[in-house]
């Protein structure tokens, strides 16, 4: 699958928000080199989310769940095992923005737990 070009301005807009989340993780003792589940979410129509769900594995993700909010808006949550270092998160964000363009869905961000290496 060929992934489309993403507007540099759009990527920088998302990266600015990502840096805030990364700073918060670090403040909570996160060790970014630790691999953990990072989830991403997309909003969209049922048909668009169905197509994305069908292709999730090919895109490197596993399906976590689908959720409907109070207004009836549907979100699809996907996840993959990875680190939370800056390069990995920036690459994840770029891929999600490419998915947004391919599937006509709205990327709604990523999240993960802070991992400090303690069991």
PDB file of N, CA and C in Angstrom:
ATOM      1  N   UNK A   1       0.850  -1.186   0.000  1.00  0.00           N
ATOM      2  CA  UNK A   1       0.000   0.000   0.000  1.00  0.00           C
ATOM      3  C   UNK A   1       0.890   1.242   0.000  1.00  0.00           C
ATOM      4  N   UNK A   2       0.650   2.113  -0.942  1.00  0.00           N
ATOM      5  CA  UNK A   2       1.389   3.362  -1.018  1.00  0.00           C
ATOM      6  C   UNK A   2       0.715   4.388  -0.114  1.00  0.00           C
ATOM      7  N   UNK A   3       1.504   4.973   0.774  1.00  0.00           N
ATOM      8  CA  UNK A   3       0.949   5.953   1.700  1.00  0.00           C
ATOM      9  C   UNK A   3       1.113   7.360   1.110  1.00  0.00           C
ATOM     10  N   UNK A   4       0.071   8.196   1.246  1.00  0.00           N
ATOM     11  CA  UNK A   4       0.101   9.527   0.634  1.00  0.00           C
ATOM     12  C   UNK A   4       0.990  10.517   1.393  1.00  0.00           C
ATOM     13  N   UNK A   5       1.330  11.597   0.703  1.00  0.00           N
ATOM     14  CA  UNK A   5       2.062  12.700   1.323  1.00  0.00           C
ATOM     15  C   UNK A   5       1.124  13.431   2.287  1.00  0.00           C
ATOM     16  N   UNK A   6       1.676  13.846   3.413  1.00  0.00           N
ATOM     17  CA  UNK A   6       0.917  14.607   4.412  1.00  0.00           C
ATOM     18  C   UNK A   6       1.430  16.046   4.382  1.00  0.00           C
ATOM     19  N   UNK A   7       0.532  16.976   4.491  1.00  0.00           N
ATOM     20  CA  UNK A   7       0.912  18.380   4.550  1.00  0.00           C
ATOM     21  C   UNK A   7       1.891  18.600   5.707  1.00  0.00           C
ATOM     22  N   UNK A   8       3.053  19.213   5.433  1.00  0.00           N
ATOM     23  CA  UNK A   8       4.009  19.486   6.516  1.00  0.00           C
ATOM     24  C   UNK A   8       3.391  20.320   7.639  1.00  0.00           C
ATOM     25  N   UNK A   9       2.513  21.246   7.285  1.00  0.00           N
ATOM     26  CA  UNK A   9       1.863  22.077   8.310  1.00  0.00           C
ATOM     27  C   UNK A   9       0.982  21.223   9.214  1.00  0.00           C
ATOM     28  N   UNK A  10       0.264  20.274   8.633  1.00  0.00           N
ATOM     29  CA  UNK A  10      -0.609  19.378   9.424  1.00  0.00           C
ATOM     30  C   UNK A  10       0.230  18.507  10.350  1.00  0.00           C
ATOM     31  N   UNK A  11       1.335  17.986   9.827  1.00  0.00           N
ATOM     32  CA  UNK A  11       2.210  17.167  10.659  1.00  0.00           C
ATOM     33  C   UNK A  11       2.780  17.987  11.811  1.00  0.00           C
ATOM     34  N   UNK A  12       3.207  19.203  11.550  1.00  0.00           N
ATOM     35  CA  UNK A  12       3.770  20.048  12.608  1.00  0.00           C
ATOM     36  C   UNK A  12       2.720  20.412  13.652  1.00  0.00           C
ATOM     37  N   UNK A  13       1.488  20.605  13.212  1.00  0.00           N
ATOM     38  CA  UNK A  13       0.387  20.898  14.146  1.00  0.00           C
ATOM     39  C   UNK A  13       0.197  19.726  15.117  1.00  0.00           C
ATOM     40  N   UNK A  14       0.170  18.514  14.581  1.00  0.00           N
ATOM     41  CA  UNK A  14       0.022  17.328  15.430  1.00  0.00           C
ATOM     42  C   UNK A  14       1.258  17.129  16.312  1.00  0.00           C
ATOM     43  N   UNK A  15       2.441  17.364  15.749  1.00  0.00           N
ATOM     44  CA  UNK A  15       3.677  17.166  16.502  1.00  0.00           C
ATOM     45  C   UNK A  15       3.741  18.116  17.694  1.00  0.00           C
ATOM     46  N   UNK A  16       3.231  19.333  17.547  1.00  0.00           N
ATOM     47  CA  UNK A  16       3.203  20.281  18.666  1.00  0.00           C
ATOM     48  C   UNK A  16       2.376  19.706  19.819  1.00  0.00           C
ATOM     49  N   UNK A  17       1.234  19.103  19.503  1.00  0.00           N
ATOM     50  CA  UNK A  17       0.403  18.473  20.539  1.00  0.00           C
ATOM     51  C   UNK A  17       1.101  17.244  21.110  1.00  0.00           C
ATOM     52  N   UNK A  18       1.766  16.469  20.225  1.00  0.00           N
ATOM     53  CA  UNK A  18       2.479  15.273  20.678  1.00  0.00           C
ATOM     54  C   UNK A  18       3.555  15.631  21.701  1.00  0.00           C
ATOM     55  N   UNK A  19       4.262  16.724  21.458  1.00  0.00           N
ATOM     56  CA  UNK A  19       5.349  17.110  22.366  1.00  0.00           C
ATOM     57  C   UNK A  19       4.821  17.389  23.772  1.00  0.00           C
ATOM     58  N   UNK A  20       3.620  17.939  23.865  1.00  0.00           N
ATOM     59  CA  UNK A  20       3.010  18.170  25.185  1.00  0.00           C
ATOM     60  C   UNK A  20       2.733  16.846  25.895  1.00  0.00           C
ATOM     61  N   UNK A  21       2.206  15.875  25.153  1.00  0.00           N
ATOM     62  CA  UNK A  21       1.921  14.557  25.739  1.00  0.00           C
ATOM     63  C   UNK A  21       3.229  13.882  26.150  1.00  0.00           C
ATOM     64  N   UNK A  22       4.238  13.957  25.310  1.00  0.00           N
ATOM     65  CA  UNK A  22       5.533  13.353  25.624  1.00  0.00           C
ATOM     66  C   UNK A  22       6.147  13.994  26.875  1.00  0.00           C
ATOM     67  N   UNK A  23       6.030  15.305  26.997  1.00  0.00           N
ATOM     68  CA  UNK A  23       6.545  16.000  28.182  1.00  0.00           C
ATOM     69  C   UNK A  23       5.829  15.516  29.438  1.00  0.00           C
ATOM     70  N   UNK A  24       4.523  15.334  29.341  1.00  0.00           N
ATOM     71  CA  UNK A  24       3.748  14.833  30.473  1.00  0.00           C
ATOM     72  C   UNK A  24       4.187  13.418  30.857  1.00  0.00           C
ATOM     73  N   UNK A  25       4.396  12.571  29.858  1.00  0.00           N
ATOM     74  CA  UNK A  25       4.879  11.220  30.140  1.00  0.00           C
ATOM     75  C   UNK A  25       6.211  11.264  30.876  1.00  0.00           C
ATOM     76  N   UNK A  26       7.130  12.097  30.395  1.00  0.00           N
ATOM     77  CA  UNK A  26       8.459  12.193  31.010  1.00  0.00           C
ATOM     78  C   UNK A  26       8.346  12.683  32.457  1.00  0.00           C
ATOM     79  N   UNK A  27       7.444  13.646  32.674  1.00  0.00           N
ATOM     80  CA  UNK A  27       7.233  14.158  34.035  1.00  0.00           C
ATOM     81  C   UNK A  27       6.724  13.066  34.970  1.00  0.00           C
ATOM     82  N   UNK A  28       6.077  12.057  34.402  1.00  0.00           N
ATOM     83  CA  UNK A  28       5.555  10.947  35.198  1.00  0.00           C
ATOM     84  C   UNK A  28       6.521   9.761  35.232  1.00  0.00           C
ATOM     85  N   UNK A  29       7.787  10.017  34.901  1.00  0.00           N
ATOM     86  CA  UNK A  29       8.813   8.994  35.036  1.00  0.00           C
ATOM     87  C   UNK A  29       8.931   8.028  33.872  1.00  0.00           C
ATOM     88  N   UNK A  30       8.344   8.363  32.739  1.00  0.00           N
ATOM     89  CA  UNK A  30       8.390   7.457  31.591  1.00  0.00           C
ATOM     90  C   UNK A  30       9.813   7.276  31.086  1.00  0.00           C
ATOM     91  N   UNK A  31      10.139   6.018  30.779  1.00  0.00           N
ATOM     92  CA  UNK A  31      11.387   5.682  30.096  1.00  0.00           C
ATOM     93  C   UNK A  31      11.006   5.355  28.658  1.00  0.00           C
ATOM     94  N   UNK A  32      11.260   6.277  27.733  1.00  0.00           N
ATOM     95  CA  UNK A  32      10.751   6.148  26.378  1.00  0.00           C
ATOM     96  C   UNK A  32      11.258   4.933  25.607  1.00  0.00           C
ATOM     97  N   UNK A  33      12.369   4.340  26.027  1.00  0.00           N
ATOM     98  CA  UNK A  33      12.905   3.189  25.295  1.00  0.00           C
ATOM     99  C   UNK A  33      12.157   1.896  25.577  1.00  0.00           C
ATOM    100  N   UNK A  34      11.278   1.899  26.571  1.00  0.00           N
ATOM    101  CA  UNK A  34      10.520   0.698  26.925  1.00  0.00           C
ATOM    102  C   UNK A  34       9.365   0.510  25.938  1.00  0.00           C
ATOM    103  N   UNK A  35       9.306  -0.677  25.349  1.00  0.00           N
ATOM    104  CA  UNK A  35       8.217  -0.999  24.411  1.00  0.00           C
ATOM    105  C   UNK A  35       6.939  -1.247  25.207  1.00  0.00           C
ATOM    106  N   UNK A  36       5.853  -0.646  24.734  1.00  0.00           N
ATOM    107  CA  UNK A  36       4.546  -0.820  25.371  1.00  0.00           C
ATOM    108  C   UNK A  36       3.468  -0.625  24.316  1.00  0.00           C
ATOM    109  N   UNK A  37       2.221  -0.942  24.672  1.00  0.00           N
ATOM    110  CA  UNK A  37       1.094  -0.734  23.761  1.00  0.00           C
ATOM    111  C   UNK A  37       0.812   0.767  23.670  1.00  0.00           C
ATOM    112  N   UNK A  38       0.806   1.261  22.446  1.00  0.00           N
ATOM    113  CA  UNK A  38       0.418   2.643  22.174  1.00  0.00           C
ATOM    114  C   UNK A  38      -0.857   2.558  21.351  1.00  0.00           C
ATOM    115  N   UNK A  39      -1.902   3.228  21.818  1.00  0.00           N
ATOM    116  CA  UNK A  39      -3.167   3.172  21.087  1.00  0.00           C
ATOM    117  C   UNK A  39      -3.389   4.480  20.327  1.00  0.00           C
ATOM    118  N   UNK A  40      -4.115   4.352  19.240  1.00  0.00           N
ATOM    119  CA  UNK A  40      -4.506   5.504  18.421  1.00  0.00           C
ATOM    120  C   UNK A  40      -6.004   5.401  18.177  1.00  0.00           C
ATOM    121  N   UNK A  41      -6.628   6.526  17.918  1.00  0.00           N
ATOM    122  CA  UNK A  41      -8.065   6.471  17.642  1.00  0.00           C
ATOM    123  C   UNK A  41      -8.402   7.306  16.413  1.00  0.00           C
ATOM    124  N   UNK A  42      -9.446   6.840  15.748  1.00  0.00           N
ATOM    125  CA  UNK A  42      -9.958   7.490  14.545  1.00  0.00           C
ATOM    126  C   UNK A  42     -11.465   7.586  14.671  1.00  0.00           C
ATOM    127  N   UNK A  43     -12.017   8.702  14.204  1.00  0.00           N
ATOM    128  CA  UNK A  43     -13.468   8.882  14.137  1.00  0.00           C
ATOM    129  C   UNK A  43     -13.878   8.870  12.681  1.00  0.00           C
ATOM    130  N   UNK A  44     -15.094   8.409  12.438  1.00  0.00           N
ATOM    131  CA  UNK A  44     -15.570   8.416  11.062  1.00  0.00           C
ATOM    132  C   UNK A  44     -16.883   7.687  10.913  1.00  0.00           C
ATOM    133  N   UNK A  45     -17.267   7.503   9.662  1.00  0.00           N
ATOM    134  CA  UNK A  45     -18.501   6.790   9.366  1.00  0.00           C
ATOM    135  C   UNK A  45     -18.274   5.291   9.548  1.00  0.00           C
ATOM    136  N   UNK A  46     -19.349   4.560   9.727  1.00  0.00           N
ATOM    137  CA  UNK A  46     -19.260   3.096   9.861  1.00  0.00           C
ATOM    138  C   UNK A  46     -18.516   2.464   8.685  1.00  0.00           C
ATOM    139  N   UNK A  47     -18.884   2.804   7.428  1.00  0.00           N
ATOM    140  CA  UNK A  47     -18.187   2.175   6.296  1.00  0.00           C
ATOM    141  C   UNK A  47     -16.684   2.485   6.276  1.00  0.00           C
ATOM    142  N   UNK A  48     -16.314   3.730   6.581  1.00  0.00           N
ATOM    143  CA  UNK A  48     -14.896   4.108   6.580  1.00  0.00           C
ATOM    144  C   UNK A  48     -14.143   3.370   7.683  1.00  0.00           C
ATOM    145  N   UNK A  49     -14.733   3.297   8.872  1.00  0.00           N
ATOM    146  CA  UNK A  49     -14.091   2.596   9.981  1.00  0.00           C
ATOM    147  C   UNK A  49     -14.040   1.090   9.730  1.00  0.00           C
ATOM    148  N   UNK A  50     -15.058   0.548   9.056  1.00  0.00           N
ATOM    149  CA  UNK A  50     -15.042  -0.877   8.693  1.00  0.00           C
ATOM    150  C   UNK A  50     -13.843  -1.188   7.800  1.00  0.00           C
ATOM    151  N   UNK A  51     -13.625  -0.335   6.793  1.00  0.00           N
ATOM    152  CA  UNK A  51     -12.489  -0.552   5.887  1.00  0.00           C
ATOM    153  C   UNK A  51     -11.163  -0.469   6.633  1.00  0.00           C
ATOM    154  N   UNK A  52     -11.049   0.527   7.516  1.00  0.00           N
ATOM    155  CA  UNK A  52      -9.825   0.676   8.296  1.00  0.00           C
ATOM    156  C   UNK A  52      -9.615  -0.530   9.209  1.00  0.00           C
ATOM    157  N   UNK A  53     -10.683  -0.982   9.847  1.00  0.00           N
ATOM    158  CA  UNK A  53     -10.583  -2.146  10.732  1.00  0.00           C
ATOM    159  C   UNK A  53     -10.121  -3.378   9.953  1.00  0.00           C
ATOM    160  N   UNK A  54     -10.644  -3.552   8.751  1.00  0.00           N
ATOM    161  CA  UNK A  54     -10.257  -4.696   7.912  1.00  0.00           C
ATOM    162  C   UNK A  54      -8.771  -4.653   7.554  1.00  0.00           C
ATOM    163  N   UNK A  55      -8.227  -3.459   7.373  1.00  0.00           N
ATOM    164  CA  UNK A  55      -6.836  -3.301   6.945  1.00  0.00           C
ATOM    165  C   UNK A  55      -5.863  -3.049   8.104  1.00  0.00           C
ATOM    166  N   UNK A  56      -6.357  -3.009   9.322  1.00  0.00           N
ATOM    167  CA  UNK A  56      -5.523  -2.630  10.472  1.00  0.00           C
ATOM    168  C   UNK A  56      -4.250  -3.464  10.573  1.00  0.00           C
ATOM    169  N   UNK A  57      -4.364  -4.764  10.430  1.00  0.00           N
ATOM    170  CA  UNK A  57      -3.192  -5.631  10.571  1.00  0.00           C
ATOM    171  C   UNK A  57      -2.154  -5.325   9.496  1.00  0.00           C
ATOM    172  N   UNK A  58      -2.613  -5.143   8.260  1.00  0.00           N
ATOM    173  CA  UNK A  58      -1.706  -4.808   7.160  1.00  0.00           C
ATOM    174  C   UNK A  58      -0.980  -3.486   7.433  1.00  0.00           C
ATOM    175  N   UNK A  59      -1.632  -2.585   8.155  1.00  0.00           N
ATOM    176  CA  UNK A  59      -1.052  -1.284   8.491  1.00  0.00           C
ATOM    177  C   UNK A  59      -0.161  -1.344   9.739  1.00  0.00           C
ATOM    178  N   UNK A  60      -0.100  -2.514  10.383  1.00  0.00           N
ATOM    179  CA  UNK A  60       0.768  -2.670  11.546  1.00  0.00           C
ATOM    180  C   UNK A  60       0.091  -2.458  12.886  1.00  0.00           C
ATOM    181  N   UNK A  61      -1.233  -2.553  12.912  1.00  0.00           N
ATOM    182  CA  UNK A  61      -1.990  -2.322  14.142  1.00  0.00           C
ATOM    183  C   UNK A  61      -2.867  -3.520  14.477  1.00  0.00           C
ATOM    184  N   UNK A  62      -3.271  -3.597  15.729  1.00  0.00           N
ATOM    185  CA  UNK A  62      -4.311  -4.541  16.121  1.00  0.00           C
ATOM    186  C   UNK A  62      -5.527  -3.735  16.554  1.00  0.00           C
ATOM    187  N   UNK A  63      -6.689  -4.303  16.327  1.00  0.00           N
ATOM    188  CA  UNK A  63      -7.938  -3.639  16.699  1.00  0.00           C
ATOM    189  C   UNK A  63      -8.142  -3.809  18.202  1.00  0.00           C
ATOM    190  N   UNK A  64      -8.392  -2.698  18.881  1.00  0.00           N
ATOM    191  CA  UNK A  64      -8.658  -2.742  20.326  1.00  0.00           C
ATOM    192  C   UNK A  64     -10.164  -2.751  20.562  1.00  0.00           C
ATOM    193  N   UNK A  65     -10.848  -1.726  20.061  1.00  0.00           N
ATOM    194  CA  UNK A  65     -12.304  -1.659  20.234  1.00  0.00           C
ATOM    195  C   UNK A  65     -12.886  -0.553  19.376  1.00  0.00           C
ATOM    196  N   UNK A  66     -14.201  -0.602  19.284  1.00  0.00           N
ATOM    197  CA  UNK A  66     -14.967   0.454  18.642  1.00  0.00           C
ATOM    198  C   UNK A  66     -15.893   0.994  19.718  1.00  0.00           C
ATOM    199  N   UNK A  67     -16.054   2.304  19.732  1.00  0.00           N
ATOM    200  CA  UNK A  67     -16.831   2.938  20.799  1.00  0.00           C
ATOM    201  C   UNK A  67     -17.719   4.028  20.208  1.00  0.00           C
ATOM    202  N   UNK A  68     -18.920   4.134  20.730  1.00  0.00           N
ATOM    203  CA  UNK A  68     -19.837   5.197  20.301  1.00  0.00           C
ATOM    204  C   UNK A  68     -20.046   6.147  21.467  1.00  0.00           C
ATOM    205  N   UNK A  69     -19.910   7.460  21.224  1.00  0.00           N
ATOM    206  CA  UNK A  69     -20.099   8.428  22.305  1.00  0.00           C
ATOM    207  C   UNK A  69     -21.571   8.844  22.419  1.00  0.00           C
ATOM    208  N   UNK A  70     -21.842   9.765  23.325  1.00  0.00           N
ATOM    209  CA  UNK A  70     -23.217  10.195  23.604  1.00  0.00           C
ATOM    210  C   UNK A  70     -23.898  10.818  22.387  1.00  0.00           C
ATOM    211  N   UNK A  71     -23.102  11.436  21.509  1.00  0.00           N
ATOM    212  CA  UNK A  71     -23.657  12.073  20.314  1.00  0.00           C
ATOM    213  C   UNK A  71     -23.790  11.101  19.146  1.00  0.00           C
ATOM    214  N   UNK A  72     -23.422   9.843  19.360  1.00  0.00           N
ATOM    215  CA  UNK A  72     -23.512   8.848  18.302  1.00  0.00           C
ATOM    216  C   UNK A  72     -22.298   8.793  17.394  1.00  0.00           C
ATOM    217  N   UNK A  73     -21.248   9.539  17.748  1.00  0.00           N
ATOM    218  CA  UNK A  73     -20.027   9.520  16.946  1.00  0.00           C
ATOM    219  C   UNK A  73     -19.229   8.257  17.280  1.00  0.00           C
ATOM    220  N   UNK A  74     -18.743   7.590  16.237  1.00  0.00           N
ATOM    221  CA  UNK A  74     -18.068   6.309  16.419  1.00  0.00           C
ATOM    222  C   UNK A  74     -16.560   6.489  16.307  1.00  0.00           C
ATOM    223  N   UNK A  75     -15.836   5.861  17.239  1.00  0.00           N
ATOM    224  CA  UNK A  75     -14.379   5.864  17.215  1.00  0.00           C
ATOM    225  C   UNK A  75     -13.872   4.436  17.148  1.00  0.00           C
ATOM    226  N   UNK A  76     -12.792   4.262  16.408  1.00  0.00           N
ATOM    227  CA  UNK A  76     -12.107   2.977  16.313  1.00  0.00           C
ATOM    228  C   UNK A  76     -10.749   3.147  16.969  1.00  0.00           C
ATOM    229  N   UNK A  77     -10.455   2.276  17.927  1.00  0.00           N
ATOM    230  CA  UNK A  77      -9.185   2.303  18.636  1.00  0.00           C
ATOM    231  C   UNK A  77      -8.312   1.159  18.141  1.00  0.00           C
ATOM    232  N   UNK A  78      -7.109   1.511  17.703  1.00  0.00           N
ATOM    233  CA  UNK A  78      -6.124   0.548  17.243  1.00  0.00           C
ATOM    234  C   UNK A  78      -4.897   0.676  18.138  1.00  0.00           C
ATOM    235  N   UNK A  79      -4.074  -0.360  18.161  1.00  0.00           N
ATOM    236  CA  UNK A  79      -2.869  -0.283  18.972  1.00  0.00           C
ATOM    237  C   UNK A  79      -1.726  -1.037  18.343  1.00  0.00           C
ATOM    238  N   UNK A  80      -0.521  -0.694  18.798  1.00  0.00           N
ATOM    239  CA  UNK A  80       0.659  -1.444  18.393  1.00  0.00           C
ATOM    240  C   UNK A  80       1.727  -1.294  19.466  1.00  0.00           C
ATOM    241  N   UNK A  81       2.581  -2.293  19.548  1.00  0.00           N
ATOM    242  CA  UNK A  81       3.674  -2.287  20.509  1.00  0.00           C
ATOM    243  C   UNK A  81       4.807  -1.446  19.937  1.00  0.00           C
ATOM    244  N   UNK A  82       5.248  -0.463  20.704  1.00  0.00           N
ATOM    245  CA  UNK A  82       6.356   0.381  20.280  1.00  0.00           C
ATOM    246  C   UNK A  82       6.875   1.188  21.461  1.00  0.00           C
ATOM    247  N   UNK A  83       7.955   1.919  21.233  1.00  0.00           N
ATOM    248  CA  UNK A  83       8.505   2.802  22.256  1.00  0.00           C
ATOM    249  C   UNK A  83       7.768   4.145  22.204  1.00  0.00           C
ATOM    250  N   UNK A  84       8.082   5.003  23.170  1.00  0.00           N
ATOM    251  CA  UNK A  84       7.479   6.341  23.179  1.00  0.00           C
ATOM    252  C   UNK A  84       8.538   7.424  22.972  1.00  0.00           C
ATOM    253  N   UNK A  85       9.666   7.056  22.344  1.00  0.00           N
ATOM    254  CA  UNK A  85      10.669   8.086  22.069  1.00  0.00           C
ATOM    255  C   UNK A  85      10.158   9.010  20.962  1.00  0.00           C
ATOM    256  N   UNK A  86      10.760  10.174  20.861  1.00  0.00           N
ATOM    257  CA  UNK A  86      10.281  11.195  19.925  1.00  0.00           C
ATOM    258  C   UNK A  86      10.181  10.680  18.492  1.00  0.00           C
ATOM    259  N   UNK A  87      11.223   9.992  18.009  1.00  0.00           N
ATOM    260  CA  UNK A  87      11.211   9.518  16.620  1.00  0.00           C
ATOM    261  C   UNK A  87      10.085   8.520  16.373  1.00  0.00           C
ATOM    262  N   UNK A  88       9.876   7.605  17.311  1.00  0.00           N
ATOM    263  CA  UNK A  88       8.824   6.593  17.153  1.00  0.00           C
ATOM    264  C   UNK A  88       7.435   7.232  17.155  1.00  0.00           C
ATOM    265  N   UNK A  89       7.221   8.195  18.031  1.00  0.00           N
ATOM    266  CA  UNK A  89       5.909   8.851  18.102  1.00  0.00           C
ATOM    267  C   UNK A  89       5.688   9.727  16.867  1.00  0.00           C
ATOM    268  N   UNK A  90       6.706  10.400  16.416  1.00  0.00           N
ATOM    269  CA  UNK A  90       6.555  11.222  15.204  1.00  0.00           C
ATOM    270  C   UNK A  90       6.218  10.334  13.996  1.00  0.00           C
ATOM    271  N   UNK A  91       6.881   9.182  13.896  1.00  0.00           N
ATOM    272  CA  UNK A  91       6.589   8.243  12.803  1.00  0.00           C
ATOM    273  C   UNK A  91       5.164   7.709  12.918  1.00  0.00           C
ATOM    274  N   UNK A  92       4.723   7.428  14.152  1.00  0.00           N
ATOM    275  CA  UNK A  92       3.353   6.960  14.382  1.00  0.00           C
ATOM    276  C   UNK A  92       2.352   8.024  13.938  1.00  0.00           C
ATOM    277  N   UNK A  93       2.591   9.259  14.319  1.00  0.00           N
ATOM    278  CA  UNK A  93       1.689  10.351  13.955  1.00  0.00           C
ATOM    279  C   UNK A  93       1.630  10.522  12.438  1.00  0.00           C
ATOM    280  N   UNK A  94       2.764  10.457  11.784  1.00  0.00           N
ATOM    281  CA  UNK A  94       2.777  10.566  10.325  1.00  0.00           C
ATOM    282  C   UNK A  94       1.935   9.455   9.702  1.00  0.00           C
ATOM    283  N   UNK A  95       2.119   8.224  10.178  1.00  0.00           N
ATOM    284  CA  UNK A  95       1.357   7.101   9.630  1.00  0.00           C
ATOM    285  C   UNK A  95      -0.142   7.305   9.856  1.00  0.00           C
ATOM    286  N   UNK A  96      -0.513   7.791  11.027  1.00  0.00           N
ATOM    287  CA  UNK A  96      -1.930   8.006  11.327  1.00  0.00           C
ATOM    288  C   UNK A  96      -2.525   9.106  10.460  1.00  0.00           C
ATOM    289  N   UNK A  97      -1.748  10.132  10.155  1.00  0.00           N
ATOM    290  CA  UNK A  97      -2.235  11.182   9.263  1.00  0.00           C
ATOM    291  C   UNK A  97      -2.373  10.654   7.836  1.00  0.00           C
ATOM    292  N   UNK A  98      -1.516   9.730   7.454  1.00  0.00           N
ATOM    293  CA  UNK A  98      -1.647   9.088   6.148  1.00  0.00           C
ATOM    294  C   UNK A  98      -2.904   8.218   6.112  1.00  0.00           C
ATOM    295  N   UNK A  99      -3.157   7.494   7.189  1.00  0.00           N
ATOM    296  CA  UNK A  99      -4.373   6.678   7.297  1.00  0.00           C
ATOM    297  C   UNK A  99      -5.601   7.570   7.189  1.00  0.00           C
ATOM    298  N   UNK A 100      -5.560   8.718   7.835  1.00  0.00           N
ATOM    299  CA  UNK A 100      -6.666   9.676   7.786  1.00  0.00           C
ATOM    300  C   UNK A 100      -7.003  10.008   6.331  1.00  0.00           C
ATOM    301  N   UNK A 101      -5.981  10.247   5.519  1.00  0.00           N
ATOM    302  CA  UNK A 101      -6.190  10.598   4.110  1.00  0.00           C
ATOM    303  C   UNK A 101      -6.701   9.418   3.291  1.00  0.00           C
ATOM    304  N   UNK A 102      -6.154   8.242   3.515  1.00  0.00           N
ATOM    305  CA  UNK A 102      -6.532   7.059   2.737  1.00  0.00           C
ATOM    306  C   UNK A 102      -7.969   6.630   3.030  1.00  0.00           C
ATOM    307  N   UNK A 103      -8.349   6.639   4.295  1.00  0.00           N
ATOM    308  CA  UNK A 103      -9.634   6.052   4.713  1.00  0.00           C
ATOM    309  C   UNK A 103     -10.740   7.075   4.953  1.00  0.00           C
ATOM    310  N   UNK A 104     -10.437   8.356   4.778  1.00  0.00           N
ATOM    311  CA  UNK A 104     -11.434   9.402   4.997  1.00  0.00           C
ATOM    312  C   UNK A 104     -12.007   9.320   6.412  1.00  0.00           C
ATOM    313  N   UNK A 105     -11.094   9.231   7.381  1.00  0.00           N
ATOM    314  CA  UNK A 105     -11.437   9.229   8.800  1.00  0.00           C
ATOM    315  C   UNK A 105     -10.690  10.389   9.448  1.00  0.00           C
ATOM    316  N   UNK A 106     -11.021  10.662  10.699  1.00  0.00           N
ATOM    317  CA  UNK A 106     -10.357  11.739  11.430  1.00  0.00           C
ATOM    318  C   UNK A 106      -9.476  11.138  12.524  1.00  0.00           C
ATOM    319  N   UNK A 107      -8.178  11.380  12.419  1.00  0.00           N
ATOM    320  CA  UNK A 107      -7.234  10.937  13.439  1.00  0.00           C
ATOM    321  C   UNK A 107      -7.485  11.738  14.703  1.00  0.00           C
ATOM    322  N   UNK A 108      -7.609  11.031  15.835  1.00  0.00           N
ATOM    323  CA  UNK A 108      -7.968  11.696  17.085  1.00  0.00           C
ATOM    324  C   UNK A 108      -6.894  11.547  18.151  1.00  0.00           C
ATOM    325  N   UNK A 109      -5.666  11.199  17.745  1.00  0.00           N
ATOM    326  CA  UNK A 109      -4.570  11.175  18.691  1.00  0.00           C
ATOM    327  C   UNK A 109      -4.174   9.791  19.168  1.00  0.00           C
ATOM    328  N   UNK A 110      -3.151   9.765  20.019  1.00  0.00           N
ATOM    329  CA  UNK A 110      -2.574   8.545  20.541  1.00  0.00           C
ATOM    330  C   UNK A 110      -2.471   8.652  22.052  1.00  0.00           C
ATOM    331  N   UNK A 111      -2.235   7.513  22.679  1.00  0.00           N
ATOM    332  CA  UNK A 111      -2.039   7.506  24.120  1.00  0.00           C
ATOM    333  C   UNK A 111      -1.333   6.232  24.550  1.00  0.00           C
ATOM    334  N   UNK A 112      -0.721   6.309  25.704  1.00  0.00           N
ATOM    335  CA  UNK A 112      -0.091   5.131  26.304  1.00  0.00           C
ATOM    336  C   UNK A 112       0.147   5.424  27.779  1.00  0.00           C
ATOM    337  N   UNK A 113       0.491   4.395  28.505  1.00  0.00           N
ATOM    338  CA  UNK A 113       0.814   4.575  29.909  1.00  0.00           C
ATOM    339  C   UNK A 113       2.297   4.891  30.043  1.00  0.00           C
ATOM    340  N   UNK A 114       2.648   5.655  31.059  1.00  0.00           N
ATOM    341  CA  UNK A 114       4.047   5.912  31.362  1.00  0.00           C
ATOM    342  C   UNK A 114       4.653   4.626  31.912  1.00  0.00           C
ATOM    343  N   UNK A 115       5.806   4.253  31.394  1.00  0.00           N
ATOM    344  CA  UNK A 115       6.495   3.031  31.829  1.00  0.00           C
ATOM    345  C   UNK A 115       7.842   3.431  32.441  1.00  0.00           C
ATOM    346  N   UNK A 116       8.017   3.066  33.720  1.00  0.00           N
ATOM    347  CA  UNK A 116       9.271   3.423  34.377  1.00  0.00           C
ATOM    348  C   UNK A 116      10.198   2.224  34.576  1.00  0.00           C
ATOM    349  N   UNK A 117       9.771   1.054  34.100  1.00  0.00           N
ATOM    350  CA  UNK A 117      10.605  -0.137  34.211  1.00  0.00           C
ATOM    351  C   UNK A 117      10.366  -0.941  35.474  1.00  0.00           C
ATOM    352  N   UNK A 118       9.628  -0.395  36.423  1.00  0.00           N
ATOM    353  CA  UNK A 118       9.303  -1.122  37.656  1.00  0.00           C
ATOM    354  C   UNK A 118       8.147  -2.069  37.361  1.00  0.00           C
ATOM    355  N   UNK A 119       8.213  -3.243  37.917  1.00  0.00           N
ATOM    356  CA  UNK A 119       7.136  -4.230  37.680  1.00  0.00           C
ATOM    357  C   UNK A 119       6.000  -4.030  38.612  1.00  0.00           C
TER     358      UNK A 119
END
